[in-house]
């Protein structure tokens, strides 16, 4: 298996994990429910993971327009199109989970996965190692402005992105970050089922 196939396989596994394991275990009531004692609703986790994959791959790694800015996704989703979820308070995360159109959210997640796979299929793999020192500036100027819940979240992300390359944005944010939140969703389903 070469690197391109490995990356594409990781994306396929994200889709399979969601479709075969997470999605079937979520009841209609669970999507917007937060567990007793804290934590976000599954709808928030799926939004956050999809949104960051969109930003990481399309804005930070590729310097392209994010999926969310195409085909009226922000309107279809019924949420502020610039939010990522980073730094949100519990109240803000709850409001997002309540407002988001769930059918559109699942379609957006699938569209982001498809766009990432399309890019991986054609990208020059050597270009993945090139540093992206302008990545922090790309989300605060120009046609795409990413809103953070507070200044500390914005400044923390800028430091986190400093001198990263496209491979980091793909590997950590698009793939690793999504798996991390899928794990949280699975744990949340277990907690909600027990309540």
Protein backbone atom coordinates (compact mmCIF):
# COMPACT_ATOMS: atom_id res chain seq x y z
CA UNK A 1 0.00 0.00 0.00
CA UNK A 2 1.44 3.38 -0.96
CA UNK A 3 0.91 6.64 0.92
CA UNK A 4 -1.94 7.85 -1.28
CA UNK A 5 -3.85 4.60 -0.83
CA UNK A 6 -3.18 4.67 2.90
CA UNK A 7 -4.67 8.17 3.20
CA UNK A 8 -7.67 7.26 1.06
CA UNK A 9 -8.16 4.12 3.16
CA UNK A 10 -8.20 6.25 6.33
CA UNK A 11 -10.93 8.42 4.81
CA UNK A 12 -12.95 5.37 3.78
CA UNK A 13 -12.59 4.04 7.32
CA UNK A 14 -13.93 7.32 8.72
CA UNK A 15 -17.02 6.93 6.56
CA UNK A 16 -17.44 3.25 7.51
CA UNK A 17 -16.98 4.03 11.22
CA UNK A 18 -19.68 6.66 11.03
CA UNK A 19 -22.14 4.76 8.84
CA UNK A 20 -21.83 1.31 10.39
CA UNK A 21 -21.01 1.98 14.04
CA UNK A 22 -21.88 5.50 15.16
CA UNK A 23 -24.94 6.37 13.11
CA UNK A 24 -26.92 3.19 13.86
CA UNK A 25 -26.31 3.58 17.61
CA UNK A 26 -27.71 7.13 17.73
CA UNK A 27 -31.42 7.39 18.36
CA UNK A 28 -33.31 10.46 17.13
CA UNK A 29 -33.44 11.77 20.72
CA UNK A 30 -29.70 11.38 21.24
CA UNK A 31 -28.55 13.70 18.43
CA UNK A 32 -29.21 16.90 20.37
CA UNK A 33 -28.86 15.51 23.90
CA UNK A 34 -25.97 16.34 26.21
CA UNK A 35 -25.13 13.78 28.89
CA UNK A 36 -25.65 14.51 32.55
CA UNK A 37 -22.48 15.92 34.04
CA UNK A 38 -21.22 17.69 30.92
CA UNK A 39 -20.21 17.06 27.36
CA UNK A 40 -21.56 18.05 23.99
CA UNK A 41 -24.36 16.54 21.94
CA UNK A 42 -23.49 14.17 19.07
CA UNK A 43 -24.69 16.79 16.57
CA UNK A 44 -22.06 19.20 17.86
CA UNK A 45 -19.28 16.59 17.61
CA UNK A 46 -20.14 15.72 14.01
CA UNK A 47 -20.36 19.41 13.08
CA UNK A 48 -17.04 20.23 14.74
CA UNK A 49 -15.19 17.30 13.16
CA UNK A 50 -16.56 17.96 9.67
CA UNK A 51 -16.01 21.70 9.91
CA UNK A 52 -12.39 21.35 10.98
CA UNK A 53 -11.67 18.79 8.27
CA UNK A 54 -13.11 21.28 5.76
CA UNK A 55 -10.99 24.14 7.12
CA UNK A 56 -7.81 22.07 7.54
CA UNK A 57 -7.82 20.55 4.08
CA UNK A 58 -9.43 23.20 1.94
CA UNK A 59 -8.29 26.42 3.59
CA UNK A 60 -5.06 25.58 5.40
CA UNK A 61 -3.53 22.81 3.24
CA UNK A 62 -4.87 23.71 -0.22
CA UNK A 63 -5.67 27.44 -0.06
CA UNK A 64 -9.04 26.61 -1.62
CA UNK A 65 -12.63 27.56 -0.86
CA UNK A 66 -14.09 25.34 1.88
CA UNK A 67 -17.01 23.07 1.05
CA UNK A 68 -19.17 25.05 3.47
CA UNK A 69 -18.86 28.16 1.30
CA UNK A 70 -20.21 26.34 -1.75
CA UNK A 71 -23.75 25.29 -2.61
CA UNK A 72 -25.38 27.27 0.24
CA UNK A 73 -24.25 24.81 2.91
CA UNK A 74 -24.30 27.40 5.70
CA UNK A 75 -27.94 28.14 4.94
CA UNK A 76 -28.87 24.47 4.60
CA UNK A 77 -27.22 23.72 7.94
CA UNK A 78 -29.02 26.62 9.64
CA UNK A 79 -25.93 27.82 11.56
CA UNK A 80 -23.39 30.65 11.39
CA UNK A 81 -21.14 29.58 8.54
CA UNK A 82 -17.93 30.84 10.15
CA UNK A 83 -18.06 28.85 13.40
CA UNK A 84 -15.75 25.89 14.02
CA UNK A 85 -16.70 25.05 17.59
CA UNK A 86 -13.25 25.75 19.02
CA UNK A 87 -13.53 27.66 22.28
CA UNK A 88 -17.33 27.51 22.47
CA UNK A 89 -19.03 27.63 25.83
CA UNK A 90 -21.43 24.84 26.76
CA UNK A 91 -24.33 27.18 26.04
CA UNK A 92 -23.00 28.03 22.58
CA UNK A 93 -22.37 24.36 21.77
CA UNK A 94 -25.89 23.49 22.95
CA UNK A 95 -27.39 26.22 20.78
CA UNK A 96 -25.50 24.96 17.74
CA UNK A 97 -26.65 21.36 18.35
CA UNK A 98 -30.25 22.54 18.70
CA UNK A 99 -30.18 24.72 15.57
CA UNK A 100 -28.32 22.54 13.08
CA UNK A 101 -30.32 20.72 10.41
CA UNK A 102 -29.34 17.09 11.04
CA UNK A 103 -30.04 15.83 7.54
CA UNK A 104 -27.91 18.62 6.08
CA UNK A 105 -25.21 17.96 8.69
CA UNK A 106 -24.80 14.35 7.60
CA UNK A 107 -24.74 15.43 3.95
CA UNK A 108 -22.12 18.11 4.74
CA UNK A 109 -19.94 15.54 6.52
CA UNK A 110 -20.15 13.24 3.47
CA UNK A 111 -19.39 16.15 1.11
CA UNK A 112 -16.30 17.11 3.11
CA UNK A 113 -15.04 13.52 3.10
CA UNK A 114 -15.58 13.31 -0.66
CA UNK A 115 -13.77 16.60 -1.28
CA UNK A 116 -10.82 15.50 0.85
CA UNK A 117 -10.62 12.19 -1.02
CA UNK A 118 -10.78 13.95 -4.40
CA UNK A 119 -7.90 16.19 -3.38
CA UNK A 120 -5.79 13.27 -2.11
CA UNK A 121 -6.33 11.38 -5.36
CA UNK A 122 -4.70 14.16 -7.39
CA UNK A 123 -2.30 15.96 -5.03
CA UNK A 124 1.45 15.80 -5.55
CA UNK A 125 2.37 13.89 -2.39
CA UNK A 126 5.74 15.64 -2.17
CA UNK A 127 3.88 18.94 -1.78
CA UNK A 128 2.38 17.69 1.50
CA UNK A 129 5.73 18.28 3.23
CA UNK A 130 5.92 21.95 2.24
CA UNK A 131 5.50 24.35 5.17
CA UNK A 132 2.38 26.54 5.21
CA UNK A 133 3.61 29.55 7.25
CA UNK A 134 0.73 31.67 5.99
CA UNK A 135 -1.93 29.25 7.27
CA UNK A 136 -2.95 31.38 10.29
CA UNK A 137 -3.44 34.43 8.07
CA UNK A 138 -5.65 32.46 5.66
CA UNK A 139 -8.46 32.13 8.15
CA UNK A 140 -8.59 35.76 9.21
CA UNK A 141 -8.48 37.63 5.91
CA UNK A 142 -9.79 37.30 2.40
CA UNK A 143 -12.91 35.48 1.32
CA UNK A 144 -12.85 32.94 4.15
CA UNK A 145 -12.95 34.19 7.72
CA UNK A 146 -13.13 31.61 10.49
CA UNK A 147 -14.72 32.83 13.70
CA UNK A 148 -13.46 31.58 17.03
CA UNK A 149 -15.54 31.76 20.17
CA UNK A 150 -12.94 33.96 21.87
CA UNK A 151 -9.52 35.55 21.42
CA UNK A 152 -7.74 32.85 23.44
CA UNK A 153 -9.05 30.13 21.11
CA UNK A 154 -8.01 32.11 18.02
CA UNK A 155 -4.51 32.84 19.33
CA UNK A 156 -4.07 29.26 20.52
CA UNK A 157 -4.93 27.91 17.07
CA UNK A 158 -2.56 30.37 15.38
CA UNK A 159 0.28 29.12 17.59
CA UNK A 160 -0.73 25.50 16.94
CA UNK A 161 -0.65 26.05 13.16
CA UNK A 162 2.65 27.96 13.06
CA UNK A 163 5.09 26.39 10.59
CA UNK A 164 2.93 23.32 9.97
CA UNK A 165 2.82 21.62 6.60
CA UNK A 166 -0.09 20.29 4.56
CA UNK A 167 0.61 16.75 5.79
CA UNK A 168 -0.02 17.90 9.38
CA UNK A 169 -3.35 19.49 8.48
CA UNK A 170 -4.40 16.33 6.66
CA UNK A 171 -3.03 13.78 9.11
CA UNK A 172 -3.83 15.42 12.42
CA UNK A 173 -6.87 17.58 11.79
CA UNK A 174 -8.69 15.92 8.91
CA UNK A 175 -8.13 12.32 9.99
CA UNK A 176 -6.90 12.16 13.61
CA UNK A 177 -9.17 14.89 14.97
CA UNK A 178 -12.21 13.26 13.35
CA UNK A 179 -11.37 9.85 14.85
CA UNK A 180 -10.88 11.50 18.25
CA UNK A 181 -14.35 13.04 18.17
CA UNK A 182 -15.87 9.80 16.87
CA UNK A 183 -14.46 8.16 20.00
CA UNK A 184 -16.11 10.85 22.11
CA UNK A 185 -19.38 10.30 20.27
CA UNK A 186 -19.24 6.56 20.94
CA UNK A 187 -18.54 7.18 24.62
CA UNK A 188 -21.41 9.68 24.68
CA UNK A 189 -23.81 7.14 23.14
CA UNK A 190 -22.87 4.71 25.93
CA UNK A 191 -23.46 7.38 28.58
CA UNK A 192 -26.78 8.44 27.10
CA UNK A 193 -27.92 4.85 26.75
CA UNK A 194 -27.21 4.29 30.44
CA UNK A 195 -29.17 7.37 31.59
